[in-house]
N, C-alpha and C. Protein backbone atom coordinates (compact mmCIF):
# COMPACT_ATOMS: atom_id res chain seq x y z
N MET A 1 -64.97 -5.46 28.56
CA MET A 1 -63.57 -5.79 28.48
C MET A 1 -62.84 -5.20 29.68
N LYS A 2 -62.02 -5.99 30.34
CA LYS A 2 -61.32 -5.54 31.53
C LYS A 2 -60.02 -4.83 31.15
N THR A 3 -59.60 -3.91 32.00
CA THR A 3 -58.34 -3.22 31.82
C THR A 3 -57.20 -4.13 32.25
N TYR A 4 -56.18 -4.21 31.42
CA TYR A 4 -55.03 -5.07 31.72
C TYR A 4 -54.15 -4.37 32.74
N SER A 5 -53.72 -5.09 33.74
CA SER A 5 -52.80 -4.59 34.75
C SER A 5 -51.62 -5.56 34.84
N ALA A 6 -50.43 -5.06 34.55
CA ALA A 6 -49.25 -5.91 34.55
C ALA A 6 -48.88 -6.34 35.96
N LYS A 7 -48.38 -7.55 36.10
CA LYS A 7 -47.90 -8.05 37.37
C LYS A 7 -46.38 -8.10 37.35
N GLU A 8 -45.79 -8.02 38.52
CA GLU A 8 -44.34 -7.98 38.63
C GLU A 8 -43.67 -9.19 37.99
N SER A 9 -44.29 -10.35 38.07
CA SER A 9 -43.70 -11.57 37.53
C SER A 9 -43.78 -11.65 36.00
N GLU A 10 -44.68 -10.90 35.38
CA GLU A 10 -44.87 -10.97 33.92
C GLU A 10 -43.95 -10.03 33.14
N ILE A 11 -43.23 -9.17 33.83
CA ILE A 11 -42.46 -8.11 33.18
C ILE A 11 -41.09 -8.63 32.74
N GLU A 12 -40.75 -8.37 31.49
CA GLU A 12 -39.42 -8.70 30.96
C GLU A 12 -38.61 -7.42 30.89
N ARG A 13 -37.43 -7.45 31.51
CA ARG A 13 -36.59 -6.25 31.57
C ARG A 13 -35.41 -6.37 30.62
N SER A 14 -35.09 -5.26 29.97
CA SER A 14 -33.94 -5.17 29.09
C SER A 14 -32.93 -4.20 29.69
N TRP A 15 -31.72 -4.24 29.19
CA TRP A 15 -30.66 -3.32 29.60
C TRP A 15 -30.32 -2.44 28.40
N TYR A 16 -30.23 -1.14 28.63
CA TYR A 16 -29.87 -0.19 27.59
C TYR A 16 -28.68 0.63 28.05
N VAL A 17 -27.82 0.99 27.12
CA VAL A 17 -26.70 1.88 27.41
C VAL A 17 -26.89 3.15 26.59
N VAL A 18 -26.73 4.31 27.26
CA VAL A 18 -26.94 5.61 26.64
C VAL A 18 -25.65 6.40 26.71
N ASP A 19 -25.21 6.92 25.57
CA ASP A 19 -24.02 7.77 25.53
C ASP A 19 -24.48 9.22 25.65
N LEU A 20 -24.06 9.91 26.72
CA LEU A 20 -24.52 11.28 26.99
C LEU A 20 -23.61 12.34 26.42
N SER A 21 -22.57 11.98 25.70
CA SER A 21 -21.65 12.98 25.18
C SER A 21 -22.36 13.88 24.17
N GLY A 22 -22.36 15.18 24.43
CA GLY A 22 -23.00 16.15 23.56
C GLY A 22 -24.50 16.27 23.74
N GLN A 23 -25.10 15.56 24.68
CA GLN A 23 -26.55 15.60 24.90
C GLN A 23 -26.89 16.70 25.91
N THR A 24 -28.07 17.29 25.75
CA THR A 24 -28.58 18.26 26.71
C THR A 24 -29.15 17.51 27.90
N VAL A 25 -28.93 18.04 29.10
CA VAL A 25 -29.30 17.35 30.33
C VAL A 25 -30.80 17.03 30.39
N GLY A 26 -31.64 18.03 30.21
CA GLY A 26 -33.08 17.83 30.36
C GLY A 26 -33.68 16.92 29.31
N ARG A 27 -33.25 17.06 28.07
CA ARG A 27 -33.80 16.23 27.00
C ARG A 27 -33.39 14.77 27.18
N ALA A 28 -32.16 14.55 27.60
CA ALA A 28 -31.70 13.18 27.84
C ALA A 28 -32.43 12.59 29.05
N ALA A 29 -32.64 13.41 30.08
CA ALA A 29 -33.27 12.92 31.31
C ALA A 29 -34.72 12.51 31.07
N THR A 30 -35.45 13.22 30.22
CA THR A 30 -36.85 12.85 29.96
C THR A 30 -36.94 11.50 29.27
N LYS A 31 -36.06 11.25 28.32
CA LYS A 31 -36.09 9.97 27.61
C LYS A 31 -35.64 8.82 28.51
N ILE A 32 -34.65 9.09 29.36
CA ILE A 32 -34.19 8.06 30.30
C ILE A 32 -35.28 7.75 31.31
N ALA A 33 -35.97 8.77 31.82
CA ALA A 33 -37.04 8.56 32.79
C ALA A 33 -38.19 7.77 32.18
N THR A 34 -38.49 8.00 30.90
CA THR A 34 -39.54 7.26 30.22
C THR A 34 -39.20 5.78 30.14
N ILE A 35 -37.95 5.46 29.82
CA ILE A 35 -37.52 4.06 29.71
C ILE A 35 -37.51 3.40 31.10
N LEU A 36 -37.00 4.13 32.11
CA LEU A 36 -36.95 3.57 33.46
C LEU A 36 -38.34 3.28 33.99
N ARG A 37 -39.29 4.13 33.66
CA ARG A 37 -40.66 3.98 34.16
C ARG A 37 -41.42 2.90 33.39
N GLY A 38 -41.04 2.65 32.15
CA GLY A 38 -41.70 1.62 31.35
C GLY A 38 -42.80 2.15 30.46
N LYS A 39 -42.84 3.46 30.26
CA LYS A 39 -43.91 4.06 29.46
C LYS A 39 -43.80 3.75 27.97
N HIS A 40 -42.67 3.23 27.55
CA HIS A 40 -42.49 2.87 26.14
C HIS A 40 -43.06 1.50 25.82
N LYS A 41 -43.51 0.78 26.83
CA LYS A 41 -44.04 -0.57 26.64
C LYS A 41 -45.57 -0.55 26.58
N PRO A 42 -46.17 -1.44 25.80
CA PRO A 42 -47.63 -1.48 25.72
C PRO A 42 -48.29 -1.95 27.02
N GLN A 43 -47.60 -2.73 27.84
CA GLN A 43 -48.18 -3.22 29.08
C GLN A 43 -47.86 -2.31 30.27
N TYR A 44 -47.61 -1.03 30.04
CA TYR A 44 -47.31 -0.07 31.10
C TYR A 44 -48.46 0.00 32.10
N THR A 45 -48.12 -0.08 33.37
CA THR A 45 -49.07 0.04 34.46
C THR A 45 -48.49 1.06 35.44
N PRO A 46 -49.22 2.14 35.77
CA PRO A 46 -48.65 3.22 36.58
C PRO A 46 -48.16 2.81 37.97
N HIS A 47 -48.81 1.86 38.61
CA HIS A 47 -48.45 1.52 39.98
C HIS A 47 -47.49 0.33 40.09
N VAL A 48 -46.97 -0.15 38.94
CA VAL A 48 -46.04 -1.27 38.92
C VAL A 48 -44.76 -0.84 38.23
N ASP A 49 -43.63 -1.27 38.75
CA ASP A 49 -42.33 -0.98 38.13
C ASP A 49 -42.14 -1.92 36.94
N CYS A 50 -42.45 -1.43 35.75
CA CYS A 50 -42.34 -2.27 34.55
C CYS A 50 -41.30 -1.72 33.57
N GLY A 51 -40.38 -0.91 34.05
CA GLY A 51 -39.38 -0.31 33.19
C GLY A 51 -38.15 -1.17 33.03
N ASP A 52 -37.20 -0.64 32.25
CA ASP A 52 -35.97 -1.34 31.95
C ASP A 52 -34.79 -0.69 32.68
N TYR A 53 -33.65 -1.36 32.64
CA TYR A 53 -32.42 -0.83 33.22
C TYR A 53 -31.76 0.11 32.22
N VAL A 54 -31.17 1.20 32.71
CA VAL A 54 -30.47 2.15 31.84
C VAL A 54 -29.09 2.43 32.43
N ILE A 55 -28.07 2.32 31.57
CA ILE A 55 -26.70 2.65 31.93
C ILE A 55 -26.33 3.91 31.15
N ALA A 56 -25.97 4.96 31.85
CA ALA A 56 -25.57 6.22 31.20
C ALA A 56 -24.06 6.37 31.31
N ILE A 57 -23.40 6.54 30.16
CA ILE A 57 -21.94 6.72 30.15
C ILE A 57 -21.61 8.11 29.64
N ASN A 58 -20.39 8.54 29.88
CA ASN A 58 -19.88 9.87 29.49
C ASN A 58 -20.72 10.99 30.09
N ALA A 59 -21.06 10.88 31.37
CA ALA A 59 -21.85 11.92 32.05
C ALA A 59 -21.07 13.21 32.20
N ASP A 60 -19.74 13.15 32.12
CA ASP A 60 -18.94 14.36 32.23
C ASP A 60 -18.97 15.21 30.96
N GLN A 61 -19.51 14.69 29.87
CA GLN A 61 -19.57 15.43 28.60
C GLN A 61 -20.97 15.94 28.28
N VAL A 62 -21.85 15.96 29.29
CA VAL A 62 -23.21 16.42 29.08
C VAL A 62 -23.22 17.95 28.99
N GLU A 63 -24.21 18.50 28.31
CA GLU A 63 -24.28 19.95 28.08
C GLU A 63 -25.55 20.54 28.68
N PHE A 64 -25.49 21.83 28.97
CA PHE A 64 -26.64 22.59 29.42
C PHE A 64 -27.00 23.60 28.33
N SER A 65 -28.29 23.90 28.18
CA SER A 65 -28.70 24.89 27.20
C SER A 65 -28.72 26.27 27.84
N GLY A 66 -28.52 27.27 27.03
CA GLY A 66 -28.57 28.65 27.53
C GLY A 66 -27.46 28.95 28.53
N ASN A 67 -27.80 29.71 29.57
CA ASN A 67 -26.84 30.08 30.60
C ASN A 67 -26.93 29.20 31.84
N LYS A 68 -27.57 28.04 31.71
CA LYS A 68 -27.80 27.20 32.88
C LYS A 68 -26.50 26.72 33.53
N LEU A 69 -25.46 26.54 32.77
CA LEU A 69 -24.20 26.06 33.33
C LEU A 69 -23.68 27.01 34.40
N THR A 70 -23.85 28.30 34.20
CA THR A 70 -23.35 29.28 35.18
C THR A 70 -24.42 29.71 36.18
N GLN A 71 -25.71 29.63 35.81
CA GLN A 71 -26.76 30.16 36.68
C GLN A 71 -27.49 29.11 37.51
N LYS A 72 -27.56 27.87 37.06
CA LYS A 72 -28.33 26.84 37.77
C LYS A 72 -27.62 26.44 39.06
N GLU A 73 -28.41 26.25 40.12
CA GLU A 73 -27.87 25.82 41.39
C GLU A 73 -28.68 24.64 41.93
N TYR A 74 -27.99 23.73 42.60
CA TYR A 74 -28.61 22.59 43.24
C TYR A 74 -28.59 22.84 44.74
N HIS A 75 -29.74 22.65 45.40
CA HIS A 75 -29.86 22.94 46.83
C HIS A 75 -30.15 21.67 47.61
N ARG A 76 -29.68 21.65 48.85
CA ARG A 76 -30.04 20.60 49.80
C ARG A 76 -30.07 21.24 51.18
N HIS A 77 -30.88 20.69 52.06
CA HIS A 77 -31.05 21.25 53.39
C HIS A 77 -30.85 20.16 54.43
N SER A 78 -30.13 20.48 55.48
CA SER A 78 -29.84 19.50 56.52
C SER A 78 -31.01 19.28 57.46
N GLY A 79 -31.96 20.19 57.47
CA GLY A 79 -33.08 20.11 58.39
C GLY A 79 -32.89 20.98 59.61
N TYR A 80 -31.73 21.55 59.76
CA TYR A 80 -31.44 22.44 60.88
C TYR A 80 -31.49 23.89 60.41
N PRO A 81 -31.71 24.84 61.33
CA PRO A 81 -31.70 26.26 60.94
C PRO A 81 -30.36 26.65 60.33
N GLY A 82 -30.41 27.32 59.19
CA GLY A 82 -29.19 27.73 58.50
C GLY A 82 -28.51 26.60 57.78
N GLY A 83 -29.21 25.50 57.55
CA GLY A 83 -28.60 24.31 56.97
C GLY A 83 -28.73 24.20 55.47
N LEU A 84 -29.02 25.30 54.76
CA LEU A 84 -29.16 25.25 53.31
C LEU A 84 -27.79 25.29 52.65
N LYS A 85 -27.51 24.30 51.83
CA LYS A 85 -26.25 24.24 51.08
C LYS A 85 -26.58 24.32 49.60
N SER A 86 -25.84 25.12 48.87
CA SER A 86 -26.05 25.27 47.43
C SER A 86 -24.75 25.03 46.70
N ILE A 87 -24.87 24.47 45.49
CA ILE A 87 -23.70 24.25 44.64
C ILE A 87 -24.12 24.55 43.20
N GLY A 88 -23.26 25.24 42.47
CA GLY A 88 -23.55 25.60 41.09
C GLY A 88 -23.42 24.40 40.16
N ALA A 89 -24.09 24.47 39.02
CA ALA A 89 -24.05 23.37 38.07
C ALA A 89 -22.65 23.17 37.50
N ASP A 90 -21.91 24.26 37.28
CA ASP A 90 -20.56 24.13 36.74
C ASP A 90 -19.62 23.45 37.73
N VAL A 91 -19.77 23.75 39.02
CA VAL A 91 -18.93 23.13 40.04
C VAL A 91 -19.30 21.65 40.20
N LEU A 92 -20.60 21.35 40.21
CA LEU A 92 -21.05 19.97 40.37
C LEU A 92 -20.65 19.11 39.17
N LEU A 93 -20.64 19.71 37.98
CA LEU A 93 -20.25 18.97 36.78
C LEU A 93 -18.78 18.58 36.83
N GLU A 94 -17.94 19.41 37.45
CA GLU A 94 -16.53 19.07 37.60
C GLU A 94 -16.31 18.09 38.75
N LYS A 95 -17.05 18.31 39.84
CA LYS A 95 -16.85 17.52 41.06
C LYS A 95 -17.45 16.12 40.96
N ALA A 96 -18.73 16.04 40.59
CA ALA A 96 -19.45 14.77 40.51
C ALA A 96 -20.40 14.80 39.32
N PRO A 97 -19.90 14.55 38.09
CA PRO A 97 -20.76 14.65 36.90
C PRO A 97 -21.91 13.65 36.89
N GLU A 98 -21.78 12.56 37.63
CA GLU A 98 -22.87 11.58 37.69
C GLU A 98 -24.11 12.16 38.36
N GLN A 99 -23.90 13.06 39.34
CA GLN A 99 -25.00 13.62 40.10
C GLN A 99 -25.87 14.54 39.25
N VAL A 100 -25.30 15.22 38.27
CA VAL A 100 -26.06 16.17 37.45
C VAL A 100 -27.20 15.46 36.73
N ILE A 101 -26.89 14.39 36.02
CA ILE A 101 -27.93 13.66 35.28
C ILE A 101 -28.82 12.86 36.23
N SER A 102 -28.25 12.40 37.33
CA SER A 102 -29.04 11.65 38.30
C SER A 102 -30.11 12.53 38.95
N TYR A 103 -29.77 13.76 39.30
CA TYR A 103 -30.75 14.69 39.88
C TYR A 103 -31.84 15.02 38.86
N ALA A 104 -31.48 15.17 37.60
CA ALA A 104 -32.46 15.50 36.57
C ALA A 104 -33.45 14.35 36.37
N VAL A 105 -32.96 13.13 36.33
CA VAL A 105 -33.84 11.97 36.16
C VAL A 105 -34.69 11.76 37.40
N GLN A 106 -34.10 11.92 38.58
CA GLN A 106 -34.82 11.74 39.84
C GLN A 106 -35.99 12.70 39.95
N GLY A 107 -35.84 13.91 39.44
CA GLY A 107 -36.92 14.89 39.49
C GLY A 107 -38.08 14.55 38.58
N MET A 108 -37.88 13.64 37.63
CA MET A 108 -38.92 13.26 36.68
C MET A 108 -39.61 11.94 37.05
N LEU A 109 -39.24 11.37 38.18
CA LEU A 109 -39.85 10.12 38.64
C LEU A 109 -40.77 10.39 39.83
N PRO A 110 -41.66 9.46 40.15
CA PRO A 110 -42.57 9.66 41.30
C PRO A 110 -41.78 9.81 42.61
N LYS A 111 -42.31 10.63 43.50
CA LYS A 111 -41.65 10.87 44.79
C LYS A 111 -42.25 9.94 45.85
N ASN A 112 -42.04 8.65 45.70
CA ASN A 112 -42.55 7.67 46.65
C ASN A 112 -41.68 6.41 46.57
N LYS A 113 -42.15 5.30 47.18
CA LYS A 113 -41.38 4.06 47.17
C LYS A 113 -41.13 3.55 45.76
N LEU A 114 -42.13 3.70 44.89
CA LEU A 114 -41.99 3.24 43.52
C LEU A 114 -40.89 4.02 42.80
N GLY A 115 -40.84 5.33 43.02
CA GLY A 115 -39.81 6.15 42.39
C GLY A 115 -38.42 5.77 42.84
N ARG A 116 -38.26 5.47 44.12
CA ARG A 116 -36.95 5.04 44.63
C ARG A 116 -36.55 3.68 44.06
N LYS A 117 -37.52 2.80 43.88
CA LYS A 117 -37.24 1.49 43.29
C LYS A 117 -36.85 1.63 41.82
N ILE A 118 -37.53 2.51 41.12
CA ILE A 118 -37.23 2.75 39.70
C ILE A 118 -35.83 3.35 39.55
N LEU A 119 -35.49 4.28 40.43
CA LEU A 119 -34.18 4.95 40.34
C LEU A 119 -33.03 3.99 40.60
N SER A 120 -33.28 2.90 41.31
CA SER A 120 -32.21 1.94 41.57
C SER A 120 -31.81 1.18 40.31
N LYS A 121 -32.60 1.26 39.24
CA LYS A 121 -32.27 0.59 37.97
C LYS A 121 -31.47 1.51 37.05
N PHE A 122 -31.10 2.70 37.53
CA PHE A 122 -30.38 3.67 36.73
C PHE A 122 -28.93 3.73 37.20
N LYS A 123 -27.99 3.46 36.30
CA LYS A 123 -26.57 3.45 36.61
C LYS A 123 -25.89 4.54 35.78
N VAL A 124 -25.11 5.41 36.43
CA VAL A 124 -24.46 6.53 35.74
C VAL A 124 -22.95 6.44 35.96
N TYR A 125 -22.19 6.68 34.88
CA TYR A 125 -20.74 6.66 34.94
C TYR A 125 -20.18 7.86 34.19
N ALA A 126 -19.13 8.48 34.76
CA ALA A 126 -18.54 9.69 34.18
C ALA A 126 -17.80 9.38 32.88
N GLY A 127 -17.15 8.25 32.79
CA GLY A 127 -16.38 7.90 31.62
C GLY A 127 -17.09 6.92 30.71
N PRO A 128 -16.39 6.42 29.68
CA PRO A 128 -17.02 5.49 28.73
C PRO A 128 -17.08 4.04 29.20
N GLU A 129 -16.39 3.68 30.29
CA GLU A 129 -16.39 2.30 30.76
C GLU A 129 -17.48 2.08 31.81
N HIS A 130 -18.05 0.87 31.80
CA HIS A 130 -19.01 0.48 32.83
C HIS A 130 -18.88 -1.01 33.10
N PRO A 131 -19.22 -1.46 34.32
CA PRO A 131 -19.03 -2.87 34.67
C PRO A 131 -20.22 -3.77 34.37
N HIS A 132 -21.09 -3.38 33.44
CA HIS A 132 -22.30 -4.15 33.18
C HIS A 132 -22.30 -4.82 31.81
N GLU A 133 -21.12 -5.21 31.32
CA GLU A 133 -21.03 -5.87 30.02
C GLU A 133 -21.69 -7.25 30.04
N ALA A 134 -21.73 -7.89 31.19
CA ALA A 134 -22.31 -9.23 31.29
C ALA A 134 -23.81 -9.23 30.99
N GLN A 135 -24.47 -8.10 31.18
CA GLN A 135 -25.91 -8.01 30.91
C GLN A 135 -26.21 -7.77 29.43
N GLN A 136 -25.18 -7.59 28.63
CA GLN A 136 -25.30 -7.35 27.18
C GLN A 136 -26.29 -6.23 26.87
N PRO A 137 -25.98 -5.00 27.30
CA PRO A 137 -26.91 -3.89 27.07
C PRO A 137 -26.97 -3.49 25.60
N GLU A 138 -28.15 -3.08 25.16
CA GLU A 138 -28.33 -2.57 23.80
C GLU A 138 -28.05 -1.09 23.79
N ALA A 139 -27.49 -0.59 22.70
CA ALA A 139 -27.25 0.85 22.57
C ALA A 139 -28.57 1.54 22.30
N LEU A 140 -28.84 2.61 23.04
CA LEU A 140 -30.08 3.37 22.89
C LEU A 140 -29.73 4.75 22.37
N GLU A 141 -30.30 5.11 21.25
CA GLU A 141 -30.06 6.41 20.62
C GLU A 141 -31.09 7.41 21.13
N LEU A 142 -30.61 8.54 21.65
CA LEU A 142 -31.54 9.54 22.18
C LEU A 142 -31.92 10.56 21.14
């Protein structure tokens, strides 16, 4: 018996909307990454993008467990000497709440072309409104 390998043309994609109000960042990110990657489907193939689209709303109401809100820091480097920039989770949550959940999900996806393609199917919004009503997304309970 041969192993089934899904092809890009055979994949059916759905749209899901996730309400992040009151959700913990890491727990929500793992479930979102699973749906984006397509691991919830029986025809999952590791080297093919067979996941679904996910819309995350209310990203400004997400929570951190423990003392992470005050202690966690996000780093980026410009590539030049002395180019390390850091920002705390509490500051980033006020400034750009979409980035908090986006960074968490991005860290759980492959670090290659496939991961970047998968991440493009993830849409995050700080408030309850989103412009994807035409796709008729299903509500996804985390």
